[in-house]
Amino acid sequence: MPANAVAFSDDIVAVARSVSGIDLDYSVDSLEQVDSLIAGFRAQGVTEERFAETLFGFGCYVGEVMVRHAGGVWTTSAGTALEAYASFPLLVSLPPQNLSNPIGKVFKAFRNGEADSITHFYRAMTSN
């Protein structure tokens, strides 16, 4: 549900602060910290299955940065061109008519590393 994305995002901010001592402040620059955290978890050998809830939270955080800085709005994949492809039903709609899948992108970043940088994704999706 789109309305819950902010709560998931706030939860991951609290987790990052308590577990890693990192203050995620919803700035565009903080996405570099998200990239670093995800890379660190990959390097530790954490499995995606074990870490899925945390990755989902980071995806909500990335989406919320898009909402706050790029005029995005949380939406669902239902009835969209991404419905068949989106692993998760929560998307961010960006102006003018661009759909973004930040949760799916975080999972890809975890699987593929730097090739799927969150920072690059944000800049590509928002032209910022």
C-alpha atoms as a PDB file:
ATOM      1  CA  MET A   1       0.000   0.000   0.000  1.00  0.00           C
ATOM      2  CA  PRO A   2       1.551   3.330  -1.055  1.00  0.00           C
ATOM      3  CA  ALA A   3       0.674   5.036   2.217  1.00  0.00           C
ATOM      4  CA  ASN A   4       2.872   2.545   4.122  1.00  0.00           C
ATOM      5  CA  ALA A   5       6.023   3.284   2.132  1.00  0.00           C
ATOM      6  CA  VAL A   6       6.915   6.261   4.311  1.00  0.00           C
ATOM      7  CA  ALA A   7       6.627   4.163   7.483  1.00  0.00           C
ATOM      8  CA  PHE A   8       8.891   1.459   6.003  1.00  0.00           C
ATOM      9  CA  SER A   9      11.338   4.171   5.005  1.00  0.00           C
ATOM     10  CA  ASP A  10      11.358   5.720   8.474  1.00  0.00           C
ATOM     11  CA  ASP A  11      11.945   2.264   9.954  1.00  0.00           C
ATOM     12  CA  ILE A  12      15.041   1.694   7.815  1.00  0.00           C
ATOM     13  CA  VAL A  13      16.389   5.118   8.830  1.00  0.00           C
ATOM     14  CA  ALA A  14      16.128   4.012  12.483  1.00  0.00           C
ATOM     15  CA  VAL A  15      17.751   0.638  11.705  1.00  0.00           C
ATOM     16  CA  ALA A  16      20.647   2.249   9.809  1.00  0.00           C
ATOM     17  CA  ARG A  17      21.259   4.591  12.743  1.00  0.00           C
ATOM     18  CA  SER A  18      21.135   1.878  15.428  1.00  0.00           C
ATOM     19  CA  VAL A  19      22.964  -0.899  13.549  1.00  0.00           C
ATOM     20  CA  SER A  20      25.480   1.007  11.419  1.00  0.00           C
ATOM     21  CA  GLY A  21      25.639   4.421  13.083  1.00  0.00           C
ATOM     22  CA  ILE A  22      24.654   6.075   9.796  1.00  0.00           C
ATOM     23  CA  ASP A  23      22.198   8.956   9.703  1.00  0.00           C
ATOM     24  CA  LEU A  24      20.123   8.780   6.536  1.00  0.00           C
ATOM     25  CA  ASP A  25      18.609  12.238   6.117  1.00  0.00           C
ATOM     26  CA  TYR A  26      16.500  11.786   2.945  1.00  0.00           C
ATOM     27  CA  SER A  27      18.938  13.884   0.924  1.00  0.00           C
ATOM     28  CA  VAL A  28      19.987  12.903  -2.586  1.00  0.00           C
ATOM     29  CA  ASP A  29      23.564  12.632  -1.305  1.00  0.00           C
ATOM     30  CA  SER A  30      22.462  10.044   1.270  1.00  0.00           C
ATOM     31  CA  LEU A  31      21.865   7.595  -1.582  1.00  0.00           C
ATOM     32  CA  GLU A  32      25.648   7.125  -1.695  1.00  0.00           C
ATOM     33  CA  GLN A  33      25.407   5.858   1.884  1.00  0.00           C
ATOM     34  CA  VAL A  34      22.694   3.423   0.797  1.00  0.00           C
ATOM     35  CA  ASP A  35      24.996   2.157  -1.970  1.00  0.00           C
ATOM     36  CA  SER A  36      27.769   1.701   0.598  1.00  0.00           C
ATOM     37  CA  LEU A  37      25.528  -0.100   3.073  1.00  0.00           C
ATOM     38  CA  ILE A  38      24.241  -2.484   0.412  1.00  0.00           C
ATOM     39  CA  ALA A  39      27.802  -3.161  -0.795  1.00  0.00           C
ATOM     40  CA  GLY A  40      28.847  -3.878   2.784  1.00  0.00           C
ATOM     41  CA  PHE A  41      26.048  -6.382   3.262  1.00  0.00           C
ATOM     42  CA  ARG A  42      26.965  -8.085  -0.028  1.00  0.00           C
ATOM     43  CA  ALA A  43      30.600  -8.291   1.075  1.00  0.00           C
ATOM     44  CA  GLN A  44      29.542  -9.945   4.339  1.00  0.00           C
ATOM     45  CA  GLY A  45      27.843 -12.694   2.353  1.00  0.00           C
ATOM     46  CA  VAL A  46      24.346 -12.021   3.660  1.00  0.00           C
ATOM     47  CA  THR A  47      21.746 -13.836   1.556  1.00  0.00           C
ATOM     48  CA  GLU A  48      18.971 -11.980  -0.223  1.00  0.00           C
ATOM     49  CA  GLU A  49      16.340 -14.185   1.411  1.00  0.00           C
ATOM     50  CA  ARG A  50      17.642 -13.412   4.893  1.00  0.00           C
ATOM     51  CA  PHE A  51      17.949  -9.732   4.098  1.00  0.00           C
ATOM     52  CA  ALA A  52      14.775  -9.192   2.013  1.00  0.00           C
ATOM     53  CA  GLU A  53      12.899  -7.134   4.609  1.00  0.00           C
ATOM     54  CA  THR A  54      15.837  -4.766   5.021  1.00  0.00           C
ATOM     55  CA  LEU A  55      16.287  -4.434   1.259  1.00  0.00           C
ATOM     56  CA  PHE A  56      12.585  -3.655   0.942  1.00  0.00           C
ATOM     57  CA  GLY A  57      13.012  -0.905   3.555  1.00  0.00           C
ATOM     58  CA  PHE A  58      15.969   0.579   1.675  1.00  0.00           C
ATOM     59  CA  GLY A  59      13.880   0.517  -1.505  1.00  0.00           C
ATOM     60  CA  CYS A  60      11.189   2.499   0.275  1.00  0.00           C
ATOM     61  CA  TYR A  61      13.857   4.937   1.462  1.00  0.00           C
ATOM     62  CA  VAL A  62      15.128   5.437  -2.107  1.00  0.00           C
ATOM     63  CA  GLY A  63      11.552   5.959  -3.292  1.00  0.00           C
ATOM     64  CA  GLU A  64      10.907   8.462  -0.541  1.00  0.00           C
ATOM     65  CA  VAL A  65      14.003  10.443  -1.594  1.00  0.00           C
ATOM     66  CA  MET A  66      12.432  10.542  -5.075  1.00  0.00           C
ATOM     67  CA  VAL A  67       9.154  11.751  -3.609  1.00  0.00           C
ATOM     68  CA  ARG A  68      10.795  14.477  -1.539  1.00  0.00           C
ATOM     69  CA  HIS A  69      13.293  15.760  -4.116  1.00  0.00           C
ATOM     70  CA  ALA A  70      11.998  14.896  -7.573  1.00  0.00           C
ATOM     71  CA  GLY A  71       8.252  15.437  -7.285  1.00  0.00           C
ATOM     72  CA  GLY A  72       7.491  11.717  -7.140  1.00  0.00           C
ATOM     73  CA  VAL A  73       4.316  10.134  -5.796  1.00  0.00           C
ATOM     74  CA  TRP A  74       3.979   6.621  -4.407  1.00  0.00           C
ATOM     75  CA  THR A  75       1.630   4.455  -6.464  1.00  0.00           C
ATOM     76  CA  THR A  76       0.958   0.806  -7.234  1.00  0.00           C
ATOM     77  CA  SER A  77       1.927  -1.187 -10.281  1.00  0.00           C
ATOM     78  CA  ALA A  78      -1.686  -2.278 -10.871  1.00  0.00           C
ATOM     79  CA  GLY A  79      -2.811  -1.312 -14.337  1.00  0.00           C
ATOM     80  CA  THR A  80       0.602   0.044 -15.374  1.00  0.00           C
ATOM     81  CA  ALA A  81       3.071  -1.076 -18.002  1.00  0.00           C
ATOM     82  CA  LEU A  82       5.291  -2.366 -15.187  1.00  0.00           C
ATOM     83  CA  GLU A  83       2.610  -4.525 -13.576  1.00  0.00           C
ATOM     84  CA  ALA A  84       3.905  -7.745 -15.144  1.00  0.00           C
ATOM     85  CA  TYR A  85       7.558  -6.884 -14.429  1.00  0.00           C
ATOM     86  CA  ALA A  86       7.570  -5.237 -11.016  1.00  0.00           C
ATOM     87  CA  SER A  87       8.586  -7.637  -8.258  1.00  0.00           C
ATOM     88  CA  PHE A  88       6.863  -5.399  -5.740  1.00  0.00           C
ATOM     89  CA  PRO A  89       3.587  -3.533  -6.221  1.00  0.00           C
ATOM     90  CA  LEU A  90       4.937  -0.202  -4.915  1.00  0.00           C
ATOM     91  CA  LEU A  91       6.305   2.201  -7.520  1.00  0.00           C
ATOM     92  CA  VAL A  92       7.110   5.893  -7.645  1.00  0.00           C
ATOM     93  CA  SER A  93       5.482   7.963 -10.359  1.00  0.00           C
ATOM     94  CA  LEU A  94       7.787  10.770 -11.470  1.00  0.00           C
ATOM     95  CA  PRO A  95       6.890  13.744 -13.643  1.00  0.00           C
ATOM     96  CA  PRO A  96       5.973  13.960 -16.406  1.00  0.00           C
ATOM     97  CA  GLN A  97       4.852  10.303 -16.793  1.00  0.00           C
ATOM     98  CA  ASN A  98       7.732   8.143 -15.684  1.00  0.00           C
ATOM     99  CA  LEU A  99       7.348   5.089 -13.435  1.00  0.00           C
ATOM    100  CA  SER A 100      10.205   4.057 -11.200  1.00  0.00           C
ATOM    101  CA  ASN A 101      10.732   0.823  -9.265  1.00  0.00           C
ATOM    102  CA  PRO A 102      13.104   1.793  -6.422  1.00  0.00           C
ATOM    103  CA  ILE A 103      12.411  -1.338  -4.374  1.00  0.00           C
ATOM    104  CA  GLY A 104      13.232  -3.611  -7.279  1.00  0.00           C
ATOM    105  CA  LYS A 105      16.335  -1.545  -7.998  1.00  0.00           C
ATOM    106  CA  VAL A 106      17.653  -1.996  -4.462  1.00  0.00           C
ATOM    107  CA  PHE A 107      17.302  -5.767  -4.837  1.00  0.00           C
ATOM    108  CA  LYS A 108      19.180  -5.551  -8.161  1.00  0.00           C
ATOM    109  CA  ALA A 109      21.897  -3.455  -6.516  1.00  0.00           C
ATOM    110  CA  PHE A 110      22.258  -6.106  -3.830  1.00  0.00           C
ATOM    111  CA  ARG A 111      22.532  -8.856  -6.474  1.00  0.00           C
ATOM    112  CA  ASN A 112      24.740  -7.027  -8.972  1.00  0.00           C
ATOM    113  CA  GLY A 113      26.753  -4.507  -6.982  1.00  0.00           C
ATOM    114  CA  GLU A 114      28.053  -1.259  -8.409  1.00  0.00           C
ATOM    115  CA  ALA A 115      26.646  -1.988 -11.870  1.00  0.00           C
ATOM    116  CA  ASP A 116      23.228  -1.205 -10.390  1.00  0.00           C
ATOM    117  CA  SER A 117      24.167   1.812  -8.297  1.00  0.00           C
ATOM    118  CA  ILE A 118      21.286   3.454  -6.463  1.00  0.00           C
ATOM    119  CA  THR A 119      22.882   6.873  -6.881  1.00  0.00           C
ATOM    120  CA  HIS A 120      23.123   6.416 -10.646  1.00  0.00           C
ATOM    121  CA  PHE A 121      19.549   5.088 -10.753  1.00  0.00           C
ATOM    122  CA  TYR A 122      18.241   8.199  -8.995  1.00  0.00           C
ATOM    123  CA  ARG A 123      20.089  10.511 -11.359  1.00  0.00           C
ATOM    124  CA  ALA A 124      18.944   8.566 -14.437  1.00  0.00           C
ATOM    125  CA  MET A 125      15.304   8.518 -13.327  1.00  0.00           C
ATOM    126  CA  THR A 126      15.165  12.153 -12.226  1.00  0.00           C
ATOM    127  CA  SER A 127      17.793  13.877 -14.400  1.00  0.00           C
ATOM    128  CA  ASN A 128      19.264  15.355 -11.177  1.00  0.00           C
END
